[in-house]
């Protein structure tokens, strides 16, 4: 049982390092150190959206920031000149 626990801990540690490396690769967070990236990571919610899902509509109050790790998104807005 101890070997499994150690292997699982090493795996989880590697997953965390990979996720922190991803956040650190984003220009906005590139100068952040491990401590701040770690705090940021644990305050994030990871979500998956299916193709065609509307996440926010124009005029909705801004309550979230989205980081797209993979996939595509489309922004549609009405320009009033």
Protein backbone atom coordinates (compact mmCIF):
# COMPACT_ATOMS: atom_id res chain seq x y z
CA UNK A 1 0.00 0.00 0.00
CA UNK A 2 2.89 2.35 0.76
CA UNK A 3 4.32 1.98 -2.78
CA UNK A 4 0.94 2.89 -4.30
CA UNK A 5 0.63 5.96 -2.04
CA UNK A 6 4.13 7.14 -2.99
CA UNK A 7 3.44 6.61 -6.69
CA UNK A 8 0.13 8.47 -6.46
CA UNK A 9 1.76 11.34 -4.58
CA UNK A 10 4.49 11.62 -7.23
CA UNK A 11 1.87 11.58 -10.00
CA UNK A 12 -0.23 14.28 -8.30
CA UNK A 13 2.88 16.38 -7.73
CA UNK A 14 3.78 16.13 -11.44
CA UNK A 15 0.23 17.07 -12.47
CA UNK A 16 0.40 20.14 -10.21
CA UNK A 17 3.81 21.12 -11.63
CA UNK A 18 2.44 20.80 -15.17
CA UNK A 19 -0.58 22.97 -14.38
CA UNK A 20 1.58 25.62 -12.68
CA UNK A 21 3.94 25.57 -15.67
CA UNK A 22 0.95 26.20 -17.96
CA UNK A 23 -0.17 29.19 -15.89
CA UNK A 24 3.41 30.49 -15.77
CA UNK A 25 3.62 30.24 -19.57
CA UNK A 26 0.82 32.80 -19.95
CA UNK A 27 2.24 36.27 -20.48
CA UNK A 28 0.06 37.85 -17.81
CA UNK A 29 1.43 35.44 -15.16
CA UNK A 30 4.95 34.93 -16.56
CA UNK A 31 6.68 36.92 -13.81
CA UNK A 32 4.77 35.31 -10.97
CA UNK A 33 6.69 32.98 -8.69
CA UNK A 34 5.72 29.53 -7.49
CA UNK A 35 3.87 30.81 -4.40
CA UNK A 36 1.56 33.13 -6.35
CA UNK A 37 0.97 30.63 -9.16
CA UNK A 38 0.11 28.02 -6.54
CA UNK A 39 -2.40 30.36 -4.86
CA UNK A 40 -3.90 31.23 -8.24
CA UNK A 41 -4.21 27.58 -9.25
CA UNK A 42 -6.07 26.62 -6.08
CA UNK A 43 -8.49 29.52 -6.51
CA UNK A 44 -9.45 28.48 -10.07
CA UNK A 45 -12.33 26.29 -11.16
CA UNK A 46 -11.66 24.01 -14.11
CA UNK A 47 -14.60 23.61 -16.46
CA UNK A 48 -15.20 21.99 -19.82
CA UNK A 49 -17.71 23.38 -22.27
CA UNK A 50 -19.21 21.60 -25.24
CA UNK A 51 -19.15 23.03 -28.76
CA UNK A 52 -21.83 25.66 -29.20
CA UNK A 53 -22.23 26.41 -25.50
CA UNK A 54 -22.89 30.09 -24.74
CA UNK A 55 -20.74 31.07 -21.78
CA UNK A 56 -21.65 34.75 -21.52
CA UNK A 57 -23.88 37.13 -23.41
CA UNK A 58 -23.21 40.71 -24.37
CA UNK A 59 -24.41 42.97 -21.57
CA UNK A 60 -23.98 40.37 -18.83
CA UNK A 61 -22.07 41.68 -15.80
CA UNK A 62 -18.44 40.56 -15.81
CA UNK A 63 -18.06 38.15 -12.90
CA UNK A 64 -15.39 35.77 -14.24
CA UNK A 65 -12.22 35.57 -16.26
CA UNK A 66 -11.72 32.64 -18.62
CA UNK A 67 -8.42 31.00 -19.52
CA UNK A 68 -8.80 28.76 -22.56
CA UNK A 69 -6.33 25.91 -22.30
CA UNK A 70 -7.39 24.11 -25.45
CA UNK A 71 -10.06 24.34 -28.06
CA UNK A 72 -11.66 27.29 -29.79
CA UNK A 73 -13.91 30.15 -28.85
CA UNK A 74 -15.73 32.88 -30.69
CA UNK A 75 -16.52 36.37 -29.45
CA UNK A 76 -19.54 38.04 -30.99
CA UNK A 77 -20.43 41.59 -30.08
CA UNK A 78 -22.55 44.42 -31.38
CA UNK A 79 -20.51 47.47 -32.29
CA UNK A 80 -22.35 50.74 -31.70
CA UNK A 81 -20.71 53.66 -33.49
